[in-house]
Protein backbone atom coordinates (compact mmCIF):
# COMPACT_ATOMS: atom_id res chain seq x y z
CA MET A 1 12.68 7.29 5.25
CA ARG A 2 15.92 5.59 4.40
CA THR A 3 18.38 3.34 6.19
CA ARG A 4 20.89 0.63 5.32
CA ASN A 5 21.51 -2.74 6.98
CA SER A 6 18.83 -2.09 9.60
CA PRO A 7 15.12 -2.88 9.79
CA LEU A 8 12.72 -0.18 8.68
CA GLU A 9 9.44 -0.73 10.51
CA GLY A 10 6.70 1.64 11.49
CA GLU A 11 3.05 2.34 12.04
CA ILE A 12 2.00 5.36 10.01
CA SER A 13 -0.99 7.61 10.64
CA LEU A 14 -2.00 9.84 7.76
CA LEU A 15 -3.93 12.74 9.22
CA GLN A 16 -6.27 15.11 7.44
CA PRO A 17 -4.56 18.45 6.78
CA SER A 18 -5.84 21.56 8.49
CA SER A 19 -8.26 23.73 6.52
CA SER A 20 -5.48 26.28 5.97
CA SER A 21 -3.34 23.71 4.13
CA SER A 22 -2.62 24.18 0.45
CA LEU A 23 -3.13 20.44 -0.13
CA LYS A 24 -6.43 18.95 -1.24
CA SER A 25 -8.81 19.05 1.68
CA VAL A 26 -8.57 15.29 2.27
CA GLY A 27 -4.81 14.92 1.87
CA VAL A 28 -2.24 13.84 -0.65
CA TYR A 29 0.63 11.80 0.80
CA HIS A 30 3.90 10.69 -0.79
CA ILE A 31 6.13 8.29 1.15
CA ASP A 32 9.45 6.73 0.15
CA ALA A 33 10.74 3.98 2.45
CA GLU A 34 13.97 2.15 1.70
CA THR A 35 16.37 -0.14 3.51
CA SER A 36 18.68 -2.95 2.48
CA ASN A 37 19.71 -6.27 3.93
CA SER A 38 16.95 -6.04 6.52
CA ARG A 39 13.20 -6.30 7.00
CA LEU A 40 10.78 -3.64 5.75
CA GLY A 41 7.45 -3.50 7.61
CA LEU A 42 4.93 -0.67 7.32
CA ALA A 43 1.37 -0.53 8.63
CA PHE A 44 -0.97 2.36 7.89
CA ALA A 45 -3.09 2.78 11.03
CA THR A 46 -5.19 5.72 9.82
CA ALA A 47 -5.85 7.57 6.57
CA PRO A 48 -8.62 10.01 5.66
CA VAL A 49 -11.43 8.84 3.38
CA GLY A 50 -10.74 10.17 -0.12
CA SER A 51 -7.04 10.73 0.51
CA THR A 52 -4.37 9.81 -2.04
CA LEU A 53 -1.34 7.73 -1.06
CA THR A 54 1.75 7.26 -3.19
CA LEU A 55 4.12 4.76 -1.56
CA ASN A 56 7.43 3.52 -2.92
CA ALA A 57 8.89 0.94 -0.53
CA ALA A 58 11.91 -1.29 -1.09
CA THR A 59 14.41 -3.54 0.62
CA SER A 60 16.78 -6.29 -0.43
CA ASN A 61 17.70 -9.70 0.93
CA SER A 62 14.83 -9.58 3.45
CA PRO A 63 11.03 -9.71 3.62
CA ALA A 64 8.85 -6.72 2.82
CA ASN A 65 5.38 -6.39 4.36
CA VAL A 66 3.00 -3.45 3.91
CA ALA A 67 -0.48 -3.25 5.46
CA LEU A 68 -2.67 -0.54 3.93
CA HIS A 69 -5.54 1.24 5.66
CA PRO A 70 -8.99 0.32 4.26
CA THR A 71 -9.41 3.85 2.84
CA PHE A 72 -6.71 3.16 0.21
CA GLU A 73 -7.90 3.36 -3.39
CA GLY A 74 -5.62 2.98 -6.37
CA ASP A 75 -3.09 0.76 -8.09
CA PHE A 76 -0.51 -1.53 -6.52
CA ASP A 77 2.55 -3.38 -7.78
CA ILE A 78 4.49 -5.76 -5.52
CA SER A 79 7.49 -7.78 -6.63
CA THR A 80 10.42 -9.91 -5.56
CA SER A 81 13.13 -11.98 -7.21
CA ASN A 82 13.20 -15.60 -8.34
CA TRP A 83 12.32 -18.40 -5.92
CA PHE A 84 10.19 -16.13 -3.75
CA LYS A 85 6.51 -15.17 -3.77
CA ALA A 86 4.61 -11.93 -3.98
CA LEU A 87 1.42 -12.32 -1.95
CA VAL A 88 -1.72 -10.20 -1.57
CA VAL A 89 -3.76 -10.77 1.60
CA GLU A 90 -7.34 -9.47 1.50
CA GLU A 91 -9.04 -8.67 4.78
CA GLN A 92 -12.60 -9.97 4.60
CA ASP A 93 -15.80 -8.10 5.47
CA VAL A 94 -14.22 -4.64 5.46
CA GLN A 95 -16.84 -1.96 6.08
CA ASP A 96 -16.93 1.11 3.86
CA PRO A 97 -14.89 3.72 5.78
CA SER A 98 -17.04 6.52 4.32
CA GLY A 99 -20.20 5.01 5.80
CA LYS A 100 -21.89 4.96 2.36
CA GLU A 101 -22.13 1.15 2.33
CA ARG A 102 -20.10 0.90 -0.89
CA LYS A 103 -18.55 -2.44 -1.81
CA ARG A 104 -14.78 -2.73 -1.96
CA ASN A 105 -13.53 -4.09 -5.27
CA ILE A 106 -10.07 -5.63 -5.38
CA SER A 107 -8.67 -7.02 -8.61
CA TYR A 108 -5.16 -8.27 -9.31
CA LYS A 109 -3.13 -10.60 -11.45
CA ARG A 110 0.25 -12.29 -11.37
CA VAL A 111 2.61 -10.87 -13.98
CA ASP A 112 5.84 -12.80 -13.54
CA GLY A 113 4.86 -16.23 -12.25
CA GLN A 114 4.82 -16.01 -8.46
CA HIS A 115 7.18 -13.02 -8.32
CA GLN A 116 5.01 -10.02 -9.17
CA VAL A 117 1.40 -9.01 -8.56
CA VAL A 118 -0.28 -5.90 -9.98
CA GLY A 119 -3.77 -4.75 -9.15
CA LYS A 120 -6.28 -2.12 -8.12
CA VAL A 121 -8.47 -1.33 -5.11
CA LEU A 122 -11.70 0.66 -5.52
CA TRP A 123 -14.64 1.57 -3.31
CA GLY A 124 -17.94 1.56 -5.20
CA GLU A 125 -18.76 0.59 -8.77
CA ASP A 126 -16.14 2.74 -10.45
CA GLY A 127 -14.31 3.84 -7.36
CA ASP A 128 -16.56 6.89 -7.41
CA ASN A 129 -14.07 8.17 -10.00
CA LYS A 130 -11.42 8.16 -7.25
CA ALA A 131 -8.46 5.82 -7.57
CA ASP A 132 -5.38 8.01 -7.60
CA GLY A 133 -3.21 6.12 -5.13
CA VAL A 134 -0.14 4.13 -6.19
CA VAL A 135 1.67 1.61 -4.00
CA LYS A 136 4.89 -0.11 -5.10
CA VAL A 137 6.70 -2.57 -2.83
CA HIS A 138 9.81 -4.47 -3.88
CA THR A 139 12.34 -6.81 -2.32
CA SER A 140 14.82 -9.38 -3.52
CA ASN A 141 15.80 -12.78 -2.18
CA SER A 142 12.77 -12.93 0.11
CA GLY A 143 8.97 -12.69 0.08
CA VAL A 144 6.79 -9.62 -0.26
CA VAL A 145 3.28 -9.27 1.24
CA LEU A 146 0.67 -6.58 0.72
CA GLU A 147 -2.23 -6.61 3.18
CA LEU A 148 -5.45 -4.95 2.03
């Protein structure tokens, strides 16, 4: 998805591929979303348990906000330019979407003062050896928020 000088906003549902699909049975998704000089807002409404999401999202001169579905597991990197903050918002008391009563582990650190945050989201002790997703969100001259 790409536009210029216009907002890029959407609610995205990642659906499990049919059994005849050549993808992994739970789904592998790659999304690029880019705009400039306007707001970027993406919310993932659904995603299969065990799926892999790679998201590269960027804008400039405006806020960027991405809300991931609780099934997301993997690394994230959010950043903005000087004077603005990168913020991670953790939803509390999220139930294990697989129904296995695993605990969600979120770890992150600030890399460049208030301007960049990198981290990881896992379900279970070691993410049940599943943490292939990668989410990167960038803006300049405004704030960036990742909701988990």
